[in-house]
Amino acid sequence: MYNLNSDIFITVNICCYNSSKYINETINSILNQTYSNWELLIIDDGSTDNTKFIVEQYLKKNNKIRYYYQKNKGYSNARNKAINLSKGNWISLIDHDDVMLPERLLEQVSEIKKHPNAKLFSSNSQHIDDQGNYIIDSFSKFNPLNLDFSSRNAAFELIKNGCFVGTETVTFNKEVALKIGGFNENYKFLGDYDFFIKLALNYNIHISNKILSKHRVHKKNAQFYYFSTGKGYWEYVKVYIKYFFNINFLFNEKIVIIKRTIIYINYGIIRFILNNKFFNLAYTKLKRFLKR
């Protein structure tokens, strides 16, 4: 039986939707943690495959796992439900197709104790493909370790440089999450990104170079869908416009936010053109004409 009092108690949260292909590996990676004072809270956001059946097999064997099914309301809603149902005052996120490395919870509990002023913890991670093959380390693309992660400064760095906080590595304080209003359910894709910025406006965050999780990159995850359709770019625009009007940012920082907004407007327009059948047909004919 888990102990709520002996040490820092962690609620690990998986929000899932039609997750039968990878959910076994994700759950097993939590069961194999070297740190033992945790519970696993699974919020099923309306799966129509056999995700529930798979999870029920674990429920029969392990009383540290709780499972809740709801009609599809989106990831931000599911994350908010997890915050409210959490027994731990620290919540660790892992998506339904990602993997925790065995030392992750132990390492992050150690960091929580070393950095009492920080309320969100993140780290480096490995990107893997749908078969589990290594692609690249997250910080190989952009290494944020030299940035200032004190409150407000970290929020601006997240806007200026993009979301360098990997959801698959995040552990945050429940009390703080409730104070800032949890995840904004108006965002279908960038609820996590907005939450990280919102928290970093008011509290310190801490980021480690240690690789603590694996993030799976494949064509059926939400990230691929939202960028391939272009919806993700327009949601970035919504996020940046929101923070442009936030009084916590200085004039020169608002200039940066405007530039980021323009960039993502352009990305959205380009993706619309690429996805539009008429423009695609015109582009194909133009290429053929130019080759004559």
C-alpha atoms as a PDB file:
ATOM      1  CA  MET A   1       0.000   0.000   0.000  1.00  0.00           C
ATOM      2  CA  TYR A   2       1.362   3.476  -0.832  1.00  0.00           C
ATOM      3  CA  ASN A   3       2.177   5.948   1.921  1.00  0.00           C
ATOM      4  CA  LEU A   4       0.936   9.520   1.671  1.00  0.00           C
ATOM      5  CA  ASN A   5       3.121  10.699   4.550  1.00  0.00           C
ATOM      6  CA  SER A   6       6.500   8.921   4.549  1.00  0.00           C
ATOM      7  CA  ASP A   7       7.990  10.960   1.701  1.00  0.00           C
ATOM      8  CA  ILE A   8       6.938  13.147  -1.207  1.00  0.00           C
ATOM      9  CA  PHE A   9       3.900  11.441  -2.688  1.00  0.00           C
ATOM     10  CA  ILE A  10       3.579  11.642  -6.468  1.00  0.00           C
ATOM     11  CA  THR A  11       0.442  11.252  -8.549  1.00  0.00           C
ATOM     12  CA  VAL A  12       1.500  10.075 -11.992  1.00  0.00           C
ATOM     13  CA  ASN A  13      -1.085  11.104 -14.561  1.00  0.00           C
ATOM     14  CA  ILE A  14      -1.795   9.499 -17.924  1.00  0.00           C
ATOM     15  CA  CYS A  15      -4.483  11.133 -20.052  1.00  0.00           C
ATOM     16  CA  CYS A  16      -5.301   8.743 -22.849  1.00  0.00           C
ATOM     17  CA  TYR A  17      -7.481   8.353 -25.918  1.00  0.00           C
ATOM     18  CA  ASN A  18      -7.528   5.168 -28.062  1.00  0.00           C
ATOM     19  CA  SER A  19      -4.213   4.185 -26.548  1.00  0.00           C
ATOM     20  CA  SER A  20      -4.234   0.399 -26.880  1.00  0.00           C
ATOM     21  CA  LYS A  21      -1.088   0.246 -29.028  1.00  0.00           C
ATOM     22  CA  TYR A  22       1.277   1.814 -26.491  1.00  0.00           C
ATOM     23  CA  ILE A  23      -0.505   1.973 -23.114  1.00  0.00           C
ATOM     24  CA  ASN A  24       1.046  -1.289 -21.855  1.00  0.00           C
ATOM     25  CA  GLU A  25       4.568   0.038 -22.300  1.00  0.00           C
ATOM     26  CA  THR A  26       3.673   3.342 -20.669  1.00  0.00           C
ATOM     27  CA  ILE A  27       2.076   1.733 -17.603  1.00  0.00           C
ATOM     28  CA  ASN A  28       4.917  -0.767 -17.215  1.00  0.00           C
ATOM     29  CA  SER A  29       7.447   2.057 -17.259  1.00  0.00           C
ATOM     30  CA  ILE A  30       5.672   3.531 -14.215  1.00  0.00           C
ATOM     31  CA  LEU A  31       5.451   0.201 -12.423  1.00  0.00           C
ATOM     32  CA  ASN A  32       9.217  -0.159 -12.908  1.00  0.00           C
ATOM     33  CA  GLN A  33      10.097   3.116 -11.161  1.00  0.00           C
ATOM     34  CA  THR A  34      12.833   2.886  -8.525  1.00  0.00           C
ATOM     35  CA  TYR A  35      10.855   5.376  -6.417  1.00  0.00           C
ATOM     36  CA  SER A  36       7.858   3.683  -4.810  1.00  0.00           C
ATOM     37  CA  ASN A  37       5.740   6.404  -3.167  1.00  0.00           C
ATOM     38  CA  TRP A  38       3.317   7.115  -6.017  1.00  0.00           C
ATOM     39  CA  GLU A  39      -0.118   6.409  -7.413  1.00  0.00           C
ATOM     40  CA  LEU A  40      -1.081   6.164 -11.085  1.00  0.00           C
ATOM     41  CA  LEU A  41      -4.170   8.102 -12.122  1.00  0.00           C
ATOM     42  CA  ILE A  42      -5.421   7.293 -15.642  1.00  0.00           C
ATOM     43  CA  ILE A  43      -8.023   9.578 -17.221  1.00  0.00           C
ATOM     44  CA  ASP A  44      -9.522   7.982 -20.320  1.00  0.00           C
ATOM     45  CA  ASP A  45     -10.884  10.767 -22.519  1.00  0.00           C
ATOM     46  CA  GLY A  46     -13.490   8.738 -24.387  1.00  0.00           C
ATOM     47  CA  SER A  47     -11.500   5.856 -25.910  1.00  0.00           C
ATOM     48  CA  THR A  48     -13.445   3.632 -28.304  1.00  0.00           C
ATOM     49  CA  ASP A  49     -10.804   0.909 -28.671  1.00  0.00           C
ATOM     50  CA  ASN A  50      -9.829  -1.649 -26.008  1.00  0.00           C
ATOM     51  CA  THR A  51      -7.846   0.772 -23.832  1.00  0.00           C
ATOM     52  CA  LYS A  52     -10.259   0.201 -20.934  1.00  0.00           C
ATOM     53  CA  PHE A  53      -9.868  -3.590 -21.143  1.00  0.00           C
ATOM     54  CA  ILE A  54      -6.068  -3.295 -21.062  1.00  0.00           C
ATOM     55  CA  VAL A  55      -6.100  -0.960 -18.067  1.00  0.00           C
ATOM     56  CA  GLU A  56      -8.551  -3.191 -16.198  1.00  0.00           C
ATOM     57  CA  GLN A  57      -6.000  -6.017 -16.266  1.00  0.00           C
ATOM     58  CA  TYR A  58      -3.617  -3.800 -14.300  1.00  0.00           C
ATOM     59  CA  LEU A  59      -6.359  -2.686 -11.899  1.00  0.00           C
ATOM     60  CA  LYS A  60      -6.911  -6.300 -10.874  1.00  0.00           C
ATOM     61  CA  LYS A  61      -3.267  -6.666  -9.857  1.00  0.00           C
ATOM     62  CA  ASN A  62      -2.254  -3.272  -8.475  1.00  0.00           C
ATOM     63  CA  ASN A  63      -4.092  -1.050  -5.993  1.00  0.00           C
ATOM     64  CA  LYS A  64      -1.817   1.914  -6.761  1.00  0.00           C
ATOM     65  CA  ILE A  65      -3.695   2.485 -10.035  1.00  0.00           C
ATOM     66  CA  ARG A  66      -6.946   4.420 -10.437  1.00  0.00           C
ATOM     67  CA  TYR A  67      -8.891   4.675 -13.708  1.00  0.00           C
ATOM     68  CA  TYR A  68     -11.631   7.119 -14.753  1.00  0.00           C
ATOM     69  CA  TYR A  69     -13.502   7.134 -18.041  1.00  0.00           C
ATOM     70  CA  GLN A  70     -15.228  10.229 -19.423  1.00  0.00           C
ATOM     71  CA  LYS A  71     -16.820  11.330 -22.668  1.00  0.00           C
ATOM     72  CA  ASN A  72     -14.295  12.989 -24.957  1.00  0.00           C
ATOM     73  CA  LYS A  73     -13.706  16.522 -23.658  1.00  0.00           C
ATOM     74  CA  GLY A  74     -10.114  17.129 -24.715  1.00  0.00           C
ATOM     75  CA  TYR A  75      -6.755  16.776 -23.028  1.00  0.00           C
ATOM     76  CA  SER A  76      -6.908  20.011 -21.032  1.00  0.00           C
ATOM     77  CA  ASN A  77     -10.178  18.924 -19.442  1.00  0.00           C
ATOM     78  CA  ALA A  78      -8.732  15.482 -18.684  1.00  0.00           C
ATOM     79  CA  ARG A  79      -5.644  17.051 -17.098  1.00  0.00           C
ATOM     80  CA  ASN A  80      -7.817  19.294 -14.924  1.00  0.00           C
ATOM     81  CA  LYS A  81      -9.774  16.278 -13.771  1.00  0.00           C
ATOM     82  CA  ALA A  82      -6.493  14.595 -12.861  1.00  0.00           C
ATOM     83  CA  ILE A  83      -5.419  17.623 -10.813  1.00  0.00           C
ATOM     84  CA  ASN A  84      -8.678  17.584  -8.862  1.00  0.00           C
ATOM     85  CA  LEU A  85      -8.574  13.819  -8.262  1.00  0.00           C
ATOM     86  CA  SER A  86      -4.877  13.691  -7.389  1.00  0.00           C
ATOM     87  CA  LYS A  87      -3.967  12.430  -3.910  1.00  0.00           C
ATOM     88  CA  GLY A  88      -0.405  13.658  -4.247  1.00  0.00           C
ATOM     89  CA  ASN A  89       0.626  17.291  -3.951  1.00  0.00           C
ATOM     90  CA  TRP A  90       3.027  16.699  -6.857  1.00  0.00           C
ATOM     91  CA  ILE A  91       1.782  15.513 -10.252  1.00  0.00           C
ATOM     92  CA  SER A  92       3.980  13.868 -12.869  1.00  0.00           C
ATOM     93  CA  LEU A  93       2.763  13.860 -16.468  1.00  0.00           C
ATOM     94  CA  ILE A  94       3.423  11.113 -18.986  1.00  0.00           C
ATOM     95  CA  ASP A  95       1.437  10.790 -22.193  1.00  0.00           C
ATOM     96  CA  HIS A  96      -0.154   7.504 -23.169  1.00  0.00           C
ATOM     97  CA  ASP A  97       2.437   6.711 -25.849  1.00  0.00           C
ATOM     98  CA  ASP A  98       5.542   7.899 -23.972  1.00  0.00           C
ATOM     99  CA  VAL A  99       7.842   6.083 -21.548  1.00  0.00           C
ATOM    100  CA  MET A 100       9.291   6.925 -18.137  1.00  0.00           C
ATOM    101  CA  LEU A 101      12.870   5.827 -17.528  1.00  0.00           C
ATOM    102  CA  PRO A 102      13.238   3.931 -14.216  1.00  0.00           C
ATOM    103  CA  GLU A 103      14.975   6.731 -12.284  1.00  0.00           C
ATOM    104  CA  ARG A 104      12.656   9.555 -13.306  1.00  0.00           C
ATOM    105  CA  LEU A 105      10.520   9.891 -10.168  1.00  0.00           C
ATOM    106  CA  LEU A 106      13.484   9.355  -7.857  1.00  0.00           C
ATOM    107  CA  GLU A 107      15.490  12.040  -9.649  1.00  0.00           C
ATOM    108  CA  GLN A 108      12.642  14.537  -9.629  1.00  0.00           C
ATOM    109  CA  VAL A 109      11.828  13.979  -5.966  1.00  0.00           C
ATOM    110  CA  SER A 110      15.503  14.692  -5.247  1.00  0.00           C
ATOM    111  CA  GLU A 111      15.267  17.911  -7.303  1.00  0.00           C
ATOM    112  CA  ILE A 112      12.091  18.987  -5.499  1.00  0.00           C
ATOM    113  CA  LYS A 113      13.963  18.743  -2.204  1.00  0.00           C
ATOM    114  CA  LYS A 114      17.026  20.591  -3.537  1.00  0.00           C
ATOM    115  CA  HIS A 115      15.019  23.418  -5.151  1.00  0.00           C
ATOM    116  CA  PRO A 116      12.131  24.239  -2.772  1.00  0.00           C
ATOM    117  CA  ASN A 117      11.259  27.482  -4.590  1.00  0.00           C
ATOM    118  CA  ALA A 118      10.646  25.733  -7.924  1.00  0.00           C
ATOM    119  CA  LYS A 119       7.109  24.513  -8.615  1.00  0.00           C
ATOM    120  CA  LEU A 120       7.592  22.801 -11.981  1.00  0.00           C
ATOM    121  CA  PHE A 121      10.375  20.374 -12.906  1.00  0.00           C
ATOM    122  CA  SER A 122      11.370  19.160 -16.356  1.00  0.00           C
ATOM    123  CA  SER A 123      14.345  17.519 -18.037  1.00  0.00           C
ATOM    124  CA  ASN A 124      15.926  16.326 -21.240  1.00  0.00           C
ATOM    125  CA  SER A 125      14.337  13.335 -23.002  1.00  0.00           C
ATOM    126  CA  GLN A 126      14.850  10.974 -25.909  1.00  0.00           C
ATOM    127  CA  HIS A 127      12.661  11.099 -29.000  1.00  0.00           C
ATOM    128  CA  ILE A 128      11.781   7.663 -30.367  1.00  0.00           C
ATOM    129  CA  ASP A 129       9.773   6.450 -33.361  1.00  0.00           C
ATOM    130  CA  ASP A 130       6.649   4.270 -33.349  1.00  0.00           C
ATOM    131  CA  GLN A 131       8.845   1.154 -32.999  1.00  0.00           C
ATOM    132  CA  GLY A 132      10.818   2.569 -30.082  1.00  0.00           C
ATOM    133  CA  ASN A 133      13.947   3.339 -32.092  1.00  0.00           C
ATOM    134  CA  TYR A 134      16.050   6.287 -30.949  1.00  0.00           C
ATOM    135  CA  ILE A 135      15.795   9.461 -33.079  1.00  0.00           C
ATOM    136  CA  ILE A 136      17.380  12.343 -31.156  1.00  0.00           C
ATOM    137  CA  ASP A 137      17.699  13.893 -27.689  1.00  0.00           C
ATOM    138  CA  SER A 138      15.242  16.717 -27.049  1.00  0.00           C
ATOM    139  CA  PHE A 139      17.960  19.210 -26.082  1.00  0.00           C
ATOM    140  CA  SER A 140      19.892  18.477 -29.282  1.00  0.00           C
ATOM    141  CA  LYS A 141      17.406  20.749 -31.054  1.00  0.00           C
ATOM    142  CA  PHE A 142      17.516  23.553 -28.505  1.00  0.00           C
ATOM    143  CA  ASN A 143      19.356  23.454 -25.175  1.00  0.00           C
ATOM    144  CA  PRO A 144      17.639  25.725 -22.621  1.00  0.00           C
ATOM    145  CA  LEU A 145      19.948  25.047 -19.674  1.00  0.00           C
ATOM    146  CA  ASN A 146      21.671  28.436 -19.749  1.00  0.00           C
ATOM    147  CA  LEU A 147      18.413  30.381 -19.537  1.00  0.00           C
ATOM    148  CA  ASP A 148      17.011  32.159 -16.495  1.00  0.00           C
ATOM    149  CA  PHE A 149      14.223  30.041 -15.012  1.00  0.00           C
ATOM    150  CA  SER A 150      13.171  32.391 -12.241  1.00  0.00           C
ATOM    151  CA  SER A 151       9.520  33.437 -12.217  1.00  0.00           C
ATOM    152  CA  ARG A 152       8.382  35.643 -15.108  1.00  0.00           C
ATOM    153  CA  ASN A 153      11.755  35.320 -16.899  1.00  0.00           C
ATOM    154  CA  ALA A 154      11.089  31.636 -17.551  1.00  0.00           C
ATOM    155  CA  ALA A 155       7.669  32.518 -18.972  1.00  0.00           C
ATOM    156  CA  PHE A 156       9.192  34.948 -21.459  1.00  0.00           C
ATOM    157  CA  GLU A 157      11.874  32.422 -22.463  1.00  0.00           C
ATOM    158  CA  LEU A 158       9.116  29.889 -23.184  1.00  0.00           C
ATOM    159  CA  ILE A 159       7.448  32.386 -25.496  1.00  0.00           C
ATOM    160  CA  LYS A 160      10.670  33.594 -27.115  1.00  0.00           C
ATOM    161  CA  ASN A 161      12.156  30.136 -27.744  1.00  0.00           C
ATOM    162  CA  GLY A 162       9.098  27.921 -28.036  1.00  0.00           C
ATOM    163  CA  CYS A 163       8.072  25.105 -25.704  1.00  0.00           C
ATOM    164  CA  PHE A 164      11.355  23.568 -24.563  1.00  0.00           C
ATOM    165  CA  VAL A 165       9.542  21.975 -21.594  1.00  0.00           C
ATOM    166  CA  GLY A 166       8.675  18.417 -22.651  1.00  0.00           C
ATOM    167  CA  THR A 167       5.333  17.265 -21.250  1.00  0.00           C
ATOM    168  CA  GLU A 168       6.754  13.739 -20.969  1.00  0.00           C
ATOM    169  CA  THR A 169       9.190  15.003 -18.293  1.00  0.00           C
ATOM    170  CA  VAL A 170       7.026  17.412 -16.282  1.00  0.00           C
ATOM    171  CA  THR A 171       6.307  17.225 -12.557  1.00  0.00           C
ATOM    172  CA  PHE A 172       4.438  20.164 -11.009  1.00  0.00           C
ATOM    173  CA  ASN A 173       2.950  21.227  -7.706  1.00  0.00           C
ATOM    174  CA  LYS A 174      -0.783  20.569  -7.374  1.00  0.00           C
ATOM    175  CA  GLU A 175      -1.504  23.521  -5.072  1.00  0.00           C
ATOM    176  CA  VAL A 176       0.150  25.926  -7.506  1.00  0.00           C
ATOM    177  CA  ALA A 177      -1.717  24.385 -10.454  1.00  0.00           C
ATOM    178  CA  LEU A 178      -5.020  25.052  -8.706  1.00  0.00           C
ATOM    179  CA  LYS A 179      -4.007  28.625  -7.862  1.00  0.00           C
ATOM    180  CA  ILE A 180      -3.313  29.477 -11.513  1.00  0.00           C
ATOM    181  CA  GLY A 181      -6.549  27.890 -12.718  1.00  0.00           C
ATOM    182  CA  GLY A 182      -5.194  24.652 -14.149  1.00  0.00           C
ATOM    183  CA  PHE A 183      -5.184  24.006 -17.891  1.00  0.00           C
ATOM    184  CA  ASN A 184      -7.083  26.293 -20.259  1.00  0.00           C
ATOM    185  CA  GLU A 185      -9.740  24.103 -21.869  1.00  0.00           C
ATOM    186  CA  ASN A 186     -10.141  26.498 -24.792  1.00  0.00           C
ATOM    187  CA  TYR A 187      -6.886  25.133 -26.227  1.00  0.00           C
ATOM    188  CA  LYS A 188      -7.202  21.824 -28.055  1.00  0.00           C
ATOM    189  CA  PHE A 189      -3.469  21.353 -28.645  1.00  0.00           C
ATOM    190  CA  LEU A 190      -1.445  23.885 -26.659  1.00  0.00           C
ATOM    191  CA  GLY A 191      -3.046  23.547 -23.241  1.00  0.00           C
ATOM    192  CA  ASP A 192       0.242  22.217 -21.837  1.00  0.00           C
ATOM    193  CA  TYR A 193       2.318  25.032 -23.358  1.00  0.00           C
ATOM    194  CA  ASP A 194      -0.052  27.687 -22.031  1.00  0.00           C
ATOM    195  CA  PHE A 195      -0.035  26.034 -18.592  1.00  0.00           C
ATOM    196  CA  PHE A 196       3.776  26.053 -18.445  1.00  0.00           C
ATOM    197  CA  ILE A 197       3.910  29.753 -19.388  1.00  0.00           C
ATOM    198  CA  LYS A 198       1.169  30.627 -16.900  1.00  0.00           C
ATOM    199  CA  LEU A 199       2.909  28.790 -14.070  1.00  0.00           C
ATOM    200  CA  ALA A 200       6.328  30.258 -14.974  1.00  0.00           C
ATOM    201  CA  LEU A 201       4.892  33.781 -14.804  1.00  0.00           C
ATOM    202  CA  ASN A 202       4.459  33.384 -11.062  1.00  0.00           C
ATOM    203  CA  TYR A 203       6.841  30.632  -9.917  1.00  0.00           C
ATOM    204  CA  ASN A 204      10.360  29.359 -10.530  1.00  0.00           C
ATOM    205  CA  ILE A 205      10.824  26.282 -12.676  1.00  0.00           C
ATOM    206  CA  HIS A 206      13.780  23.886 -12.790  1.00  0.00           C
ATOM    207  CA  ILE A 207      15.110  21.995 -15.803  1.00  0.00           C
ATOM    208  CA  SER A 208      17.638  19.160 -15.687  1.00  0.00           C
ATOM    209  CA  ASN A 209      19.934  17.867 -18.428  1.00  0.00           C
ATOM    210  CA  LYS A 210      19.273  14.276 -17.321  1.00  0.00           C
ATOM    211  CA  ILE A 211      17.298  12.130 -19.746  1.00  0.00           C
ATOM    212  CA  LEU A 212      14.320  10.916 -17.726  1.00  0.00           C
ATOM    213  CA  SER A 213      11.702   9.946 -20.343  1.00  0.00           C
ATOM    214  CA  LYS A 214      11.171   8.884 -23.944  1.00  0.00           C
ATOM    215  CA  HIS A 215       8.819  10.837 -26.203  1.00  0.00           C
ATOM    216  CA  ARG A 216       7.278   8.889 -29.068  1.00  0.00           C
ATOM    217  CA  VAL A 217       7.030  10.672 -32.427  1.00  0.00           C
ATOM    218  CA  HIS A 218       4.563   9.114 -34.873  1.00  0.00           C
ATOM    219  CA  LYS A 219       1.867  10.077 -37.339  1.00  0.00           C
ATOM    220  CA  LYS A 220      -1.045   9.231 -35.050  1.00  0.00           C
ATOM    221  CA  ASN A 221      -0.153  11.502 -32.168  1.00  0.00           C
ATOM    222  CA  ALA A 222      -1.840  14.851 -31.593  1.00  0.00           C
ATOM    223  CA  GLN A 223       1.286  16.846 -32.440  1.00  0.00           C
ATOM    224  CA  PHE A 224       1.467  15.440 -35.976  1.00  0.00           C
ATOM    225  CA  TYR A 225      -2.257  15.983 -36.562  1.00  0.00           C
ATOM    226  CA  TYR A 226      -2.336  19.609 -35.429  1.00  0.00           C
ATOM    227  CA  PHE A 227       0.708  20.646 -37.419  1.00  0.00           C
ATOM    228  CA  SER A 228      -0.164  18.693 -40.576  1.00  0.00           C
ATOM    229  CA  THR A 229      -3.650  20.257 -40.616  1.00  0.00           C
ATOM    230  CA  GLY A 230      -2.331  23.706 -39.703  1.00  0.00           C
ATOM    231  CA  LYS A 231      -4.565  23.988 -36.613  1.00  0.00           C
ATOM    232  CA  GLY A 232      -1.541  23.964 -34.343  1.00  0.00           C
ATOM    233  CA  TYR A 233      -0.072  27.106 -35.916  1.00  0.00           C
ATOM    234  CA  TRP A 234      -3.266  29.096 -35.419  1.00  0.00           C
ATOM    235  CA  GLU A 235      -3.445  27.968 -31.805  1.00  0.00           C
ATOM    236  CA  TYR A 236       0.084  29.323 -31.314  1.00  0.00           C
ATOM    237  CA  VAL A 237      -1.208  32.639 -32.650  1.00  0.00           C
ATOM    238  CA  LYS A 238      -4.008  32.590 -30.037  1.00  0.00           C
ATOM    239  CA  VAL A 239      -1.518  31.896 -27.245  1.00  0.00           C
ATOM    240  CA  TYR A 240       0.844  34.678 -28.309  1.00  0.00           C
ATOM    241  CA  ILE A 241      -1.933  37.244 -28.706  1.00  0.00           C
ATOM    242  CA  LYS A 242      -3.141  36.374 -25.215  1.00  0.00           C
ATOM    243  CA  TYR A 243       0.292  37.011 -23.680  1.00  0.00           C
ATOM    244  CA  PHE A 244       0.865  40.154 -25.738  1.00  0.00           C
ATOM    245  CA  PHE A 245      -1.852  41.763 -23.610  1.00  0.00           C
ATOM    246  CA  ASN A 246      -0.436  40.397 -20.350  1.00  0.00           C
ATOM    247  CA  ILE A 247       0.763  43.252 -18.131  1.00  0.00           C
ATOM    248  CA  ASN A 248       3.717  41.230 -16.824  1.00  0.00           C
ATOM    249  CA  PHE A 249       5.682  41.597 -20.074  1.00  0.00           C
ATOM    250  CA  LEU A 250       7.764  44.650 -20.923  1.00  0.00           C
ATOM    251  CA  PHE A 251       7.490  46.675 -24.132  1.00  0.00           C
ATOM    252  CA  ASN A 252      10.595  45.108 -25.748  1.00  0.00           C
ATOM    253  CA  GLU A 253       9.307  41.653 -24.805  1.00  0.00           C
ATOM    254  CA  LYS A 254       5.967  42.418 -26.441  1.00  0.00           C
ATOM    255  CA  ILE A 255       7.876  43.200 -29.658  1.00  0.00           C
ATOM    256  CA  VAL A 256       9.286  39.658 -29.510  1.00  0.00           C
ATOM    257  CA  ILE A 257       5.782  38.278 -28.944  1.00  0.00           C
ATOM    258  CA  ILE A 258       4.512  40.185 -32.009  1.00  0.00           C
ATOM    259  CA  LYS A 259       7.336  38.708 -34.111  1.00  0.00           C
ATOM    260  CA  ARG A 260       6.471  35.187 -32.908  1.00  0.00           C
ATOM    261  CA  THR A 261       2.814  35.836 -33.751  1.00  0.00           C
ATOM    262  CA  ILE A 262       3.675  36.940 -37.313  1.00  0.00           C
ATOM    263  CA  ILE A 263       5.889  33.879 -37.817  1.00  0.00           C
ATOM    264  CA  TYR A 264       3.081  31.501 -36.874  1.00  0.00           C
ATOM    265  CA  ILE A 265       0.535  33.383 -38.957  1.00  0.00           C
ATOM    266  CA  ASN A 266       2.827  32.811 -41.924  1.00  0.00           C
ATOM    267  CA  TYR A 267       3.214  29.124 -41.013  1.00  0.00           C
ATOM    268  CA  GLY A 268      -0.560  28.796 -40.844  1.00  0.00           C
ATOM    269  CA  ILE A 269      -1.044  30.441 -44.245  1.00  0.00           C
ATOM    270  CA  ILE A 270       1.613  28.234 -45.841  1.00  0.00           C
ATOM    271  CA  ARG A 271       0.054  25.083 -44.387  1.00  0.00           C
ATOM    272  CA  PHE A 272      -3.401  26.203 -45.611  1.00  0.00           C
ATOM    273  CA  ILE A 273      -1.999  26.622 -49.124  1.00  0.00           C
ATOM    274  CA  LEU A 274      -0.254  23.237 -49.031  1.00  0.00           C
ATOM    275  CA  ASN A 275      -3.429  21.513 -47.817  1.00  0.00           C
ATOM    276  CA  ASN A 276      -5.777  23.273 -50.233  1.00  0.00           C
ATOM    277  CA  LYS A 277      -6.651  21.127 -53.274  1.00  0.00           C
ATOM    278  CA  PHE A 278      -7.026  24.108 -55.609  1.00  0.00           C
ATOM    279  CA  PHE A 279      -3.638  25.560 -54.686  1.00  0.00           C
ATOM    280  CA  ASN A 280      -2.035  22.134 -54.855  1.00  0.00           C
ATOM    281  CA  LEU A 281      -3.425  21.575 -58.349  1.00  0.00           C
ATOM    282  CA  ALA A 282      -2.283  25.028 -59.475  1.00  0.00           C
ATOM    283  CA  TYR A 283       1.169  24.422 -57.992  1.00  0.00           C
ATOM    284  CA  THR A 284       1.478  21.063 -59.764  1.00  0.00           C
ATOM    285  CA  LYS A 285       0.488  22.583 -63.112  1.00  0.00           C
ATOM    286  CA  LEU A 286       2.929  25.458 -62.612  1.00  0.00           C
ATOM    287  CA  LYS A 287       5.774  23.014 -61.932  1.00  0.00           C
ATOM    288  CA  ARG A 288       4.943  21.081 -65.102  1.00  0.00           C
ATOM    289  CA  PHE A 289       4.785  24.296 -67.126  1.00  0.00           C
ATOM    290  CA  LEU A 290       8.158  25.461 -65.854  1.00  0.00           C
ATOM    291  CA  LYS A 291       9.778  22.135 -66.758  1.00  0.00           C
ATOM    292  CA  ARG A 292       8.854  22.483 -70.440  1.00  0.00           C
END
